[in-house]
């Protein structure tokens, strides 16, 4: 498939222009004009790029790209990563907030679906837009059961902070660093915020509200969107695709 046609499809499907994002979403690095095989990954690292080259990918689609508002200097690790991409002729396409917030393949709708929940509405206001979703169980579930399901389905270590409710009916999902929505969750009566990481300051906010939180890893919670998008590209465009797993344990 022609690269520019593929980029136009991704830009439209992900609605990349709608999000005020520090990430430079879309095609960040230009490579081969014809794309037959695409690698999907969460992060743009040397290992990810090298595995994409080894797998004979023509494009690498990631959640975390190389350019976050611009590069001041092309030196050090930035140079090494760009050099690896260019020598491999690989196009780099990034989708940060657009992939968190997508209503069909986004990280956050996929987090809810792990629990058998369909999204009921947007959640997690960020710069005037919502990047997460909320939903609810038919019947309240013990927080331990929710944690077990996510741990098993994501193959990750889960930690719960049971500062609010322990019987969970409503869940708000924001992958990665989603603790910015703690106060919104409490204000809207969300029983459990499911996110990827939790800092010292987040802990203090949650305990004071109080708000129950489940933390499942920044990396693991953001594998869901790229995998779901990969299947859309495979089904709709008939391209050869593969996923590169480079877990951080964080």
Protein backbone atom coordinates (compact mmCIF):
# COMPACT_ATOMS: atom_id res chain seq x y z
CA UNK A 1 0.00 0.00 0.00
CA UNK A 2 1.22 3.51 -0.72
CA UNK A 3 2.58 5.11 2.45
CA UNK A 4 0.66 8.36 2.06
CA UNK A 5 -2.63 6.51 1.57
CA UNK A 6 -1.95 4.43 4.66
CA UNK A 7 -1.10 7.52 6.71
CA UNK A 8 -4.29 9.22 5.52
CA UNK A 9 -6.31 6.18 6.62
CA UNK A 10 -4.69 6.14 10.07
CA UNK A 11 -5.02 9.91 10.52
CA UNK A 12 -8.74 9.77 9.71
CA UNK A 13 -9.53 6.59 11.62
CA UNK A 14 -7.75 7.85 14.76
CA UNK A 15 -8.92 11.45 14.31
CA UNK A 16 -5.42 12.62 15.18
CA UNK A 17 -6.12 16.31 14.52
CA UNK A 18 -8.74 16.47 17.29
CA UNK A 19 -6.33 16.08 20.21
CA UNK A 20 -4.21 18.83 21.84
CA UNK A 21 -1.33 16.48 22.53
CA UNK A 22 2.31 17.03 23.44
CA UNK A 23 3.04 14.09 21.14
CA UNK A 24 3.49 14.90 17.47
CA UNK A 25 0.87 12.42 16.30
CA UNK A 26 0.92 10.99 12.81
CA UNK A 27 3.88 10.24 10.55
CA UNK A 28 6.98 11.32 12.51
CA UNK A 29 9.70 9.82 10.34
CA UNK A 30 9.38 9.16 6.61
CA UNK A 31 10.64 5.90 5.16
CA UNK A 32 9.74 3.63 2.24
CA UNK A 33 7.00 4.78 -0.12
CA UNK A 34 5.39 1.34 -0.35
CA UNK A 35 4.28 -0.46 2.80
CA UNK A 36 3.64 -4.20 2.87
CA UNK A 37 4.48 -5.15 6.44
CA UNK A 38 3.85 -3.15 9.62
CA UNK A 39 5.24 -3.61 13.13
CA UNK A 40 3.20 -2.37 16.10
CA UNK A 41 4.68 -1.52 19.51
CA UNK A 42 4.07 0.63 22.56
CA UNK A 43 7.43 2.45 22.57
CA UNK A 44 10.02 3.70 20.09
CA UNK A 45 13.30 2.31 21.40
CA UNK A 46 16.44 1.03 19.72
CA UNK A 47 15.40 -2.53 20.53
CA UNK A 48 11.94 -1.98 19.05
CA UNK A 49 13.39 -0.43 15.89
CA UNK A 50 15.96 -3.20 15.53
CA UNK A 51 13.25 -5.84 15.89
CA UNK A 52 11.12 -4.02 13.29
CA UNK A 53 14.08 -4.04 10.88
CA UNK A 54 14.76 -7.72 11.59
CA UNK A 55 11.09 -8.49 10.98
CA UNK A 56 11.30 -6.71 7.59
CA UNK A 57 8.74 -4.06 8.54
CA UNK A 58 8.22 -1.06 6.28
CA UNK A 59 6.43 0.91 9.01
CA UNK A 60 6.46 0.99 12.81
CA UNK A 61 3.25 2.15 14.49
CA UNK A 62 3.67 3.13 18.14
CA UNK A 63 1.87 4.73 21.06
CA UNK A 64 4.96 6.60 22.27
CA UNK A 65 6.83 8.19 19.38
CA UNK A 66 10.16 10.00 19.15
CA UNK A 67 8.96 13.57 18.79
CA UNK A 68 7.10 15.30 21.62
CA UNK A 69 6.53 18.78 20.29
CA UNK A 70 9.84 18.90 18.43
CA UNK A 71 13.50 17.93 18.68
CA UNK A 72 16.00 20.63 19.64
CA UNK A 73 19.08 18.50 18.96
CA UNK A 74 19.60 15.33 16.95
CA UNK A 75 22.34 13.92 19.15
CA UNK A 76 22.83 11.02 21.54
CA UNK A 77 19.95 8.59 21.78
CA UNK A 78 17.78 10.71 19.43
CA UNK A 79 20.43 10.40 16.73
CA UNK A 80 20.86 6.66 17.27
CA UNK A 81 17.13 5.98 17.05
CA UNK A 82 16.63 8.17 13.98
CA UNK A 83 19.69 6.62 12.32
CA UNK A 84 18.31 3.12 12.91
CA UNK A 85 14.94 4.09 11.45
CA UNK A 86 16.41 5.78 8.40
CA UNK A 87 18.93 3.06 7.65
CA UNK A 88 16.10 0.54 7.83
CA UNK A 89 13.87 2.68 5.61
CA UNK A 90 11.13 2.43 8.24
CA UNK A 91 8.25 4.87 8.49
CA UNK A 92 7.44 5.81 12.10
CA UNK A 93 3.81 6.58 12.92
CA UNK A 94 2.79 7.68 16.43
CA UNK A 95 -0.66 7.83 18.04
CA UNK A 96 -0.64 8.93 21.68
CA UNK A 97 -3.86 10.50 23.03
CA UNK A 98 -5.81 9.53 19.89
CA UNK A 99 -5.13 5.88 20.71
CA UNK A 100 -5.97 6.31 24.40
CA UNK A 101 -9.28 7.93 23.61
CA UNK A 102 -10.49 6.03 20.54
CA UNK A 103 -14.03 4.67 21.06
CA UNK A 104 -13.40 1.44 19.12
CA UNK A 105 -9.75 0.42 19.60
CA UNK A 106 -8.53 2.74 22.35
CA UNK A 107 -6.56 1.59 25.37
CA UNK A 108 -9.34 2.63 27.70
CA UNK A 109 -12.32 0.98 26.02
CA UNK A 110 -10.17 -2.14 25.78
CA UNK A 111 -9.39 -1.98 29.51
CA UNK A 112 -13.11 -1.96 30.28
CA UNK A 113 -13.73 -4.83 27.88
CA UNK A 114 -11.17 -6.95 29.72
CA UNK A 115 -13.70 -6.86 32.55
CA UNK A 116 -16.68 -7.61 30.32
CA UNK A 117 -17.85 -3.99 30.50
CA UNK A 118 -18.95 -1.88 27.55
CA UNK A 119 -18.24 1.86 27.87
CA UNK A 120 -21.15 4.01 29.01
CA UNK A 121 -19.55 7.37 28.41
CA UNK A 122 -16.38 9.48 28.31
CA UNK A 123 -14.26 10.12 31.40
CA UNK A 124 -10.95 11.73 32.21
CA UNK A 125 -10.96 15.34 31.09
CA UNK A 126 -7.64 16.49 29.62
CA UNK A 127 -7.20 19.88 27.93
CA UNK A 128 -10.88 20.12 27.12
CA UNK A 129 -11.30 16.55 25.83
CA UNK A 130 -11.95 13.22 27.52
CA UNK A 131 -9.31 10.56 26.99
CA UNK A 132 -10.83 7.79 29.13
CA UNK A 133 -14.13 5.97 29.51
CA UNK A 134 -16.29 4.68 32.32
CA UNK A 135 -18.66 1.72 32.59
CA UNK A 136 -20.29 -0.46 35.20
CA UNK A 137 -20.92 -4.03 36.20
CA UNK A 138 -24.45 -5.39 36.34
CA UNK A 139 -23.78 -6.23 39.99
CA UNK A 140 -21.07 -4.92 42.33
CA UNK A 141 -17.85 -6.96 42.32
CA UNK A 142 -15.22 -7.34 45.08
CA UNK A 143 -12.17 -5.28 44.28
CA UNK A 144 -10.06 -8.42 44.67
CA UNK A 145 -11.96 -10.10 41.83
CA UNK A 146 -11.50 -7.09 39.55
CA UNK A 147 -7.77 -7.12 40.29
CA UNK A 148 -7.51 -10.85 39.60
CA UNK A 149 -9.20 -10.57 36.20
CA UNK A 150 -6.96 -7.72 35.06
CA UNK A 151 -3.81 -9.42 36.39
CA UNK A 152 -4.64 -12.62 34.50
CA UNK A 153 -5.78 -11.06 31.25
CA UNK A 154 -2.94 -8.54 31.03
CA UNK A 155 -0.36 -10.95 32.48
CA UNK A 156 0.75 -8.22 34.84
CA UNK A 157 1.26 -7.42 38.50
CA UNK A 158 -1.68 -5.45 39.87
CA UNK A 159 -1.74 -3.28 42.98
CA UNK A 160 -4.91 -1.94 44.57
CA UNK A 161 -5.28 1.07 46.84
CA UNK A 162 -8.53 0.43 48.70
CA UNK A 163 -9.11 3.92 50.02
CA UNK A 164 -12.73 4.18 48.88
CA UNK A 165 -15.21 1.46 48.00
CA UNK A 166 -14.25 -2.22 48.05
CA UNK A 167 -17.41 -3.39 46.29
CA UNK A 168 -17.04 -2.08 42.77
CA UNK A 169 -19.93 -1.15 40.46
CA UNK A 170 -18.57 1.75 38.36
CA UNK A 171 -15.08 1.84 36.83
CA UNK A 172 -13.20 4.65 35.15
CA UNK A 173 -10.34 3.56 32.88
CA UNK A 174 -7.34 5.69 31.89
CA UNK A 175 -4.25 3.81 30.74
CA UNK A 176 -0.70 4.88 31.50
CA UNK A 177 -0.41 7.94 33.76
CA UNK A 178 -4.11 8.39 34.45
CA UNK A 179 -4.04 9.51 38.07
CA UNK A 180 -4.71 13.09 36.96
CA UNK A 181 -8.38 12.00 36.96
CA UNK A 182 -8.51 11.04 40.66
CA UNK A 183 -10.60 14.03 41.71
CA UNK A 184 -12.90 13.69 38.72
CA UNK A 185 -13.45 10.02 39.58
CA UNK A 186 -14.37 10.89 43.15
CA UNK A 187 -16.61 13.77 42.09
CA UNK A 188 -18.51 11.60 39.60
CA UNK A 189 -18.98 8.67 41.96
CA UNK A 190 -16.61 6.30 40.14
CA UNK A 191 -15.97 3.41 42.53
CA UNK A 192 -12.61 2.40 41.04
CA UNK A 193 -10.07 4.20 38.86
CA UNK A 194 -8.08 1.74 36.75
CA UNK A 195 -4.80 3.14 35.47
CA UNK A 196 -1.18 2.27 34.74
CA UNK A 197 1.03 4.07 37.26
CA UNK A 198 0.80 5.77 40.63
CA UNK A 199 3.17 8.27 42.26
CA UNK A 200 3.74 9.37 45.85
CA UNK A 201 1.66 12.51 45.23
CA UNK A 202 -1.11 10.42 43.62
CA UNK A 203 -1.22 8.21 46.73
CA UNK A 204 -1.71 11.22 48.99
CA UNK A 205 -4.50 12.59 46.81
CA UNK A 206 -6.29 9.24 46.63
CA UNK A 207 -6.18 8.61 50.38
CA UNK A 208 -7.47 12.08 51.18
CA UNK A 209 -10.41 11.98 48.76
CA UNK A 210 -10.83 8.93 49.45
CA UNK A 211 -10.73 7.07 46.09
CA UNK A 212 -10.02 3.43 45.33
CA UNK A 213 -7.45 2.82 42.59
CA UNK A 214 -6.15 -0.18 40.68
CA UNK A 215 -2.69 0.13 39.09
CA UNK A 216 -1.76 -2.39 36.38
CA UNK A 217 1.43 -1.00 34.82
CA UNK A 218 1.99 1.82 32.34
CA UNK A 219 3.32 -0.50 29.67
CA UNK A 220 0.80 -3.32 30.01
CA UNK A 221 -2.26 -1.04 30.01
CA UNK A 222 -1.04 0.53 26.77
CA UNK A 223 -0.46 -2.65 24.82
CA UNK A 224 -4.22 -2.95 24.30
CA UNK A 225 -4.75 -0.10 21.86
CA UNK A 226 -1.85 -0.88 19.54
CA UNK A 227 -2.91 -4.53 19.38
CA UNK A 228 -6.52 -3.60 18.61
CA UNK A 229 -5.42 -1.09 15.95
CA UNK A 230 -3.15 -3.76 14.46
CA UNK A 231 -6.15 -6.03 13.94
CA UNK A 232 -8.11 -3.23 12.25
CA UNK A 233 -5.23 -2.63 9.82
CA UNK A 234 -5.01 -6.35 9.13
CA UNK A 235 -8.75 -6.72 8.54
CA UNK A 236 -9.49 -3.49 6.66
CA UNK A 237 -6.32 -3.09 4.61
CA UNK A 238 -5.10 -6.67 4.27
CA UNK A 239 -1.54 -5.78 5.28
CA UNK A 240 0.90 -8.09 7.03
CA UNK A 241 1.27 -7.02 10.67
CA UNK A 242 3.07 -8.14 13.83
CA UNK A 243 3.39 -6.95 17.44
CA UNK A 244 6.72 -6.25 19.14
CA UNK A 245 6.53 -6.86 22.89
CA UNK A 246 9.14 -4.99 24.93
CA UNK A 247 7.76 -4.94 28.49
CA UNK A 248 9.35 -2.69 31.10
CA UNK A 249 7.71 -4.17 34.18
CA UNK A 250 6.53 -0.63 35.01
